[in-house]
C-alpha atoms as a PDB file:
ATOM      1  CA  MET A   1       9.931 -11.329  -6.380  1.00  0.00           C
ATOM      2  CA  THR A   2       6.991 -12.318  -4.218  1.00  0.00           C
ATOM      3  CA  ALA A   3       6.176 -15.687  -2.719  1.00  0.00           C
ATOM      4  CA  ASN A   4       2.888 -17.528  -2.597  1.00  0.00           C
ATOM      5  CA  PHE A   5       0.553 -16.228   0.089  1.00  0.00           C
ATOM      6  CA  PRO A   6       0.215 -16.788   2.935  1.00  0.00           C
ATOM      7  CA  VAL A   7       3.957 -16.847   3.585  1.00  0.00           C
ATOM      8  CA  GLN A   8       5.107 -19.351   6.216  1.00  0.00           C
ATOM      9  CA  LEU A   9       6.727 -17.519   9.128  1.00  0.00           C
ATOM     10  CA  ASP A  10       8.482 -18.993  12.146  1.00  0.00           C
ATOM     11  CA  ASP A  11       8.616 -17.623  15.701  1.00  0.00           C
ATOM     12  CA  PHE A  12      11.661 -15.445  14.998  1.00  0.00           C
ATOM     13  CA  ASP A  13       9.964 -13.943  11.933  1.00  0.00           C
ATOM     14  CA  HIS A  14       6.905 -13.109  14.055  1.00  0.00           C
ATOM     15  CA  LYS A  15       9.120 -11.538  16.729  1.00  0.00           C
ATOM     16  CA  ILE A  16      10.879  -9.454  14.080  1.00  0.00           C
ATOM     17  CA  LEU A  17       7.558  -8.245  12.683  1.00  0.00           C
ATOM     18  CA  ILE A  18       6.232  -7.353  16.135  1.00  0.00           C
ATOM     19  CA  GLU A  19       9.348  -5.294  16.868  1.00  0.00           C
ATOM     20  CA  LEU A  20       9.231  -3.583  13.464  1.00  0.00           C
ATOM     21  CA  GLU A  21       5.565  -2.727  14.051  1.00  0.00           C
ATOM     22  CA  ARG A  22       6.614  -0.978  17.247  1.00  0.00           C
ATOM     23  CA  ASP A  23       9.596   0.764  15.647  1.00  0.00           C
ATOM     24  CA  GLY A  24      10.081   0.487  11.899  1.00  0.00           C
ATOM     25  CA  VAL A  25      13.497   2.148  11.951  1.00  0.00           C
ATOM     26  CA  LEU A  26      15.262  -0.287  14.286  1.00  0.00           C
ATOM     27  CA  THR A  27      18.804  -1.151  13.283  1.00  0.00           C
ATOM     28  CA  ALA A  28      19.657  -4.813  12.735  1.00  0.00           C
ATOM     29  CA  ALA A  29      21.778  -4.670  15.903  1.00  0.00           C
ATOM     30  CA  ALA A  30      18.937  -3.296  18.050  1.00  0.00           C
ATOM     31  CA  LEU A  31      16.490  -5.761  16.519  1.00  0.00           C
ATOM     32  CA  ALA A  32      18.900  -8.645  17.155  1.00  0.00           C
ATOM     33  CA  GLU A  33      19.270  -7.646  20.791  1.00  0.00           C
ATOM     34  CA  ARG A  34      15.501  -7.579  21.295  1.00  0.00           C
ATOM     35  CA  ILE A  35      14.749 -10.984  19.750  1.00  0.00           C
ATOM     36  CA  GLY A  36      17.899 -12.973  20.475  1.00  0.00           C
ATOM     37  CA  LEU A  37      19.398 -13.491  17.004  1.00  0.00           C
ATOM     38  CA  SER A  38      22.585 -12.176  15.453  1.00  0.00           C
ATOM     39  CA  PRO A  39      22.375  -8.881  13.521  1.00  0.00           C
ATOM     40  CA  SER A  40      23.245 -10.673  10.266  1.00  0.00           C
ATOM     41  CA  ALA A  41      20.479 -13.259  10.806  1.00  0.00           C
ATOM     42  CA  CYS A  42      17.975 -10.477  11.539  1.00  0.00           C
ATOM     43  CA  HIS A  43      19.066  -8.548   8.463  1.00  0.00           C
ATOM     44  CA  ARG A  44      18.772 -11.660   6.290  1.00  0.00           C
ATOM     45  CA  ARG A  45      15.284 -12.461   7.628  1.00  0.00           C
ATOM     46  CA  VAL A  46      14.050  -8.880   7.171  1.00  0.00           C
ATOM     47  CA  LYS A  47      15.336  -8.833   3.577  1.00  0.00           C
ATOM     48  CA  ALA A  48      13.660 -12.205   2.907  1.00  0.00           C
ATOM     49  CA  MET A  49      10.332 -10.924   4.264  1.00  0.00           C
ATOM     50  CA  GLU A  50      10.657  -7.777   2.154  1.00  0.00           C
ATOM     51  CA  ALA A  51      11.346  -9.890  -0.949  1.00  0.00           C
ATOM     52  CA  ALA A  52       8.385 -12.160  -0.151  1.00  0.00           C
ATOM     53  CA  GLY A  53       6.053  -9.183   0.163  1.00  0.00           C
ATOM     54  CA  VAL A  54       5.370  -9.642   3.875  1.00  0.00           C
ATOM     55  CA  ILE A  55       6.977  -6.257   4.560  1.00  0.00           C
ATOM     56  CA  GLU A  56       5.698  -3.879   1.892  1.00  0.00           C
ATOM     57  CA  GLY A  57       7.518  -0.791   3.120  1.00  0.00           C
ATOM     58  CA  TYR A  58       8.145   1.497   6.055  1.00  0.00           C
ATOM     59  CA  ALA A  59       6.210   4.641   6.910  1.00  0.00           C
ATOM     60  CA  ALA A  60       5.856   7.224   9.634  1.00  0.00           C
ATOM     61  CA  ILE A  61       2.447   7.443  11.312  1.00  0.00           C
ATOM     62  CA  LEU A  62       1.357  11.044  10.904  1.00  0.00           C
ATOM     63  CA  SER A  63      -1.062  13.006  13.054  1.00  0.00           C
ATOM     64  CA  GLU A  64      -3.891  14.219  10.814  1.00  0.00           C
ATOM     65  CA  LYS A  65      -4.869  16.760  13.475  1.00  0.00           C
ATOM     66  CA  ALA A  66      -1.346  18.202  13.707  1.00  0.00           C
ATOM     67  CA  LEU A  67      -1.358  18.567   9.917  1.00  0.00           C
ATOM     68  CA  GLY A  68      -4.610  20.531  10.064  1.00  0.00           C
ATOM     69  CA  ARG A  69      -6.830  17.721   8.808  1.00  0.00           C
ATOM     70  CA  SER A  70      -9.384  17.152  11.529  1.00  0.00           C
ATOM     71  CA  ALA A  71     -12.371  15.845   9.546  1.00  0.00           C
ATOM     72  CA  THR A  72     -12.666  12.262   8.312  1.00  0.00           C
ATOM     73  CA  VAL A  73     -15.400  11.418   5.830  1.00  0.00           C
ATOM     74  CA  PHE A  74     -16.364   7.975   4.559  1.00  0.00           C
ATOM     75  CA  VAL A  75     -17.990   8.158   1.145  1.00  0.00           C
ATOM     76  CA  ALA A  76     -19.997   5.273  -0.299  1.00  0.00           C
ATOM     77  CA  VAL A  77     -19.814   5.414  -4.095  1.00  0.00           C
ATOM     78  CA  THR A  78     -22.293   3.714  -6.400  1.00  0.00           C
ATOM     79  CA  LEU A  79     -21.330   3.487 -10.054  1.00  0.00           C
ATOM     80  CA  GLU A  80     -23.671   3.595 -13.036  1.00  0.00           C
ATOM     81  CA  ASN A  81     -22.718  -0.016 -13.820  1.00  0.00           C
ATOM     82  CA  GLN A  82     -20.138  -2.640 -12.872  1.00  0.00           C
ATOM     83  CA  ARG A  83     -18.517  -3.046 -16.275  1.00  0.00           C
ATOM     84  CA  SER A  84     -14.781  -3.520 -16.016  1.00  0.00           C
ATOM     85  CA  GLU A  85     -14.048  -0.411 -18.112  1.00  0.00           C
ATOM     86  CA  THR A  86     -16.296   1.746 -15.885  1.00  0.00           C
ATOM     87  CA  MET A  87     -14.636   0.434 -12.739  1.00  0.00           C
ATOM     88  CA  ALA A  88     -11.129   0.831 -14.180  1.00  0.00           C
ATOM     89  CA  ALA A  89     -11.822   4.437 -15.241  1.00  0.00           C
ATOM     90  CA  PHE A  90     -13.184   5.251 -11.774  1.00  0.00           C
ATOM     91  CA  GLU A  91     -10.213   3.616 -10.026  1.00  0.00           C
ATOM     92  CA  ARG A  92      -7.675   5.484 -12.180  1.00  0.00           C
ATOM     93  CA  ALA A  93      -9.397   8.813 -11.555  1.00  0.00           C
ATOM     94  CA  VAL A  94      -9.955   8.378  -7.808  1.00  0.00           C
ATOM     95  CA  ALA A  95      -6.300   7.362  -7.335  1.00  0.00           C
ATOM     96  CA  LYS A  96      -5.358  10.892  -8.460  1.00  0.00           C
ATOM     97  CA  CYS A  97      -7.470  12.558  -5.741  1.00  0.00           C
ATOM     98  CA  ARG A  98      -4.991  13.533  -3.052  1.00  0.00           C
ATOM     99  CA  GLU A  99      -7.664  13.890  -0.353  1.00  0.00           C
ATOM    100  CA  VAL A 100      -8.719  10.252  -0.758  1.00  0.00           C
ATOM    101  CA  GLN A 101      -6.661   8.197   1.694  1.00  0.00           C
ATOM    102  CA  ASP A 102      -8.211   4.783   0.964  1.00  0.00           C
ATOM    103  CA  CYS A 103     -10.429   3.329  -1.737  1.00  0.00           C
ATOM    104  CA  HIS A 104     -12.038  -0.079  -1.221  1.00  0.00           C
ATOM    105  CA  LEU A 105     -14.067  -2.133  -3.707  1.00  0.00           C
ATOM    106  CA  MET A 106     -17.076  -3.333  -1.715  1.00  0.00           C
ATOM    107  CA  THR A 107     -19.898  -5.838  -1.685  1.00  0.00           C
ATOM    108  CA  GLY A 108     -23.354  -4.665  -0.673  1.00  0.00           C
ATOM    109  CA  GLU A 109     -25.287  -1.542  -1.605  1.00  0.00           C
ATOM    110  CA  SER A 110     -22.363   0.585  -2.780  1.00  0.00           C
ATOM    111  CA  ASP A 111     -19.503  -0.279  -5.090  1.00  0.00           C
ATOM    112  CA  TYR A 112     -16.658   1.574  -3.348  1.00  0.00           C
ATOM    113  CA  LEU A 113     -15.925   3.059   0.049  1.00  0.00           C
ATOM    114  CA  LEU A 114     -13.568   6.027   0.226  1.00  0.00           C
ATOM    115  CA  ARG A 115     -11.883   7.480   3.307  1.00  0.00           C
ATOM    116  CA  ILE A 116     -11.189  11.174   2.955  1.00  0.00           C
ATOM    117  CA  VAL A 117      -9.295  13.275   5.496  1.00  0.00           C
ATOM    118  CA  ILE A 118      -9.683  17.035   5.192  1.00  0.00           C
ATOM    119  CA  ALA A 119      -9.427  20.261   7.175  1.00  0.00           C
ATOM    120  CA  ASP A 120     -13.137  20.991   7.623  1.00  0.00           C
ATOM    121  CA  ASP A 121     -16.674  20.798   6.221  1.00  0.00           C
ATOM    122  CA  ASP A 122     -16.061  23.688   3.816  1.00  0.00           C
ATOM    123  CA  ARG A 123     -13.097  21.893   2.280  1.00  0.00           C
ATOM    124  CA  TYR A 124     -15.161  18.719   1.924  1.00  0.00           C
ATOM    125  CA  GLU A 125     -17.878  20.639   0.104  1.00  0.00           C
ATOM    126  CA  ARG A 126     -15.276  21.821  -2.422  1.00  0.00           C
ATOM    127  CA  VAL A 127     -13.838  18.290  -2.784  1.00  0.00           C
ATOM    128  CA  HIS A 128     -17.357  16.906  -3.261  1.00  0.00           C
ATOM    129  CA  GLN A 129     -18.347  19.476  -5.888  1.00  0.00           C
ATOM    130  CA  GLU A 130     -15.057  19.829  -7.742  1.00  0.00           C
ATOM    131  CA  THR A 131     -13.696  16.280  -7.556  1.00  0.00           C
ATOM    132  CA  LEU A 132     -15.922  13.468  -6.316  1.00  0.00           C
ATOM    133  CA  SER A 133     -19.048  14.397  -8.271  1.00  0.00           C
ATOM    134  CA  ARG A 134     -16.957  14.594 -11.455  1.00  0.00           C
ATOM    135  CA  LEU A 135     -15.384  11.147 -11.181  1.00  0.00           C
ATOM    136  CA  PRO A 136     -16.244   8.979 -14.186  1.00  0.00           C
ATOM    137  CA  GLY A 137     -19.123   6.536 -13.864  1.00  0.00           C
ATOM    138  CA  VAL A 138     -20.437   7.824 -10.530  1.00  0.00           C
ATOM    139  CA  ARG A 139     -24.193   7.546 -10.053  1.00  0.00           C
ATOM    140  CA  ARG A 140     -24.440   8.239  -6.305  1.00  0.00           C
ATOM    141  CA  LEU A 141     -22.295   9.500  -3.421  1.00  0.00           C
ATOM    142  CA  VAL A 142     -23.273   9.060   0.241  1.00  0.00           C
ATOM    143  CA  SER A 143     -21.048  10.941   2.694  1.00  0.00           C
ATOM    144  CA  ASN A 144     -20.697  10.032   6.380  1.00  0.00           C
ATOM    145  CA  PHE A 145     -18.669  12.274   8.700  1.00  0.00           C
ATOM    146  CA  THR A 146     -16.980  10.667  11.672  1.00  0.00           C
ATOM    147  CA  ILE A 147     -17.734  12.042  15.099  1.00  0.00           C
ATOM    148  CA  ARG A 148     -14.553  10.613  16.596  1.00  0.00           C
ATOM    149  CA  THR A 149     -11.988   7.963  15.709  1.00  0.00           C
ATOM    150  CA  VAL A 150     -12.125   5.454  18.551  1.00  0.00           C
ATOM    151  CA  PHE A 151      -8.922   3.695  17.423  1.00  0.00           C
ATOM    152  CA  ARG A 152      -6.883   3.176  14.294  1.00  0.00           C
ATOM    153  CA  ARG A 153      -4.636   0.215  13.574  1.00  0.00           C
ATOM    154  CA  ALA A 154      -2.114  -0.645  10.942  1.00  0.00           C
ATOM    155  CA  ALA A 155      -1.911  -4.225   9.674  1.00  0.00           C
ATOM    156  CA  SER A 156      -0.659  -6.397  12.492  1.00  0.00           C
ATOM    157  CA  VAL A 157       1.110  -9.719  12.831  1.00  0.00           C
ATOM    158  CA  ALA A 158      -0.602 -10.262  16.206  1.00  0.00           C
ATOM    159  CA  HIS A 159      -3.825 -11.915  14.987  1.00  0.00           C
END
């Protein structure tokens, strides 16, 4: 069950989120010690924020380089049209592409922006030819390779 957005959070909720951003596997006891609440109060607040959709899940931050994926490519996708059935077919198909890390519906010149993380240029060529160019409804693909990732952030409570 999710609440209306944005969810109203108090200072303790913000402190909990900041600590969980730093270490998503903190125990309720360790979290309580850091923010000055009882473990049961921390546990209750975390569960409430999970139920409200503020906390969507917990994940490890992986090193793409250590996993042998050193190339990041942003691909601007233009569809043949913006009919809902064309967009839905594209979105279903692109969601099955394991190399695509993110897919964003955009305003501007292109319809979607994809972030793809792969081992090298040769692998991207195969992904482009065998997967991306065969996605339904695609009229144009524009690929941009990153030179270097300056920084990368997860969603943050500290705005």
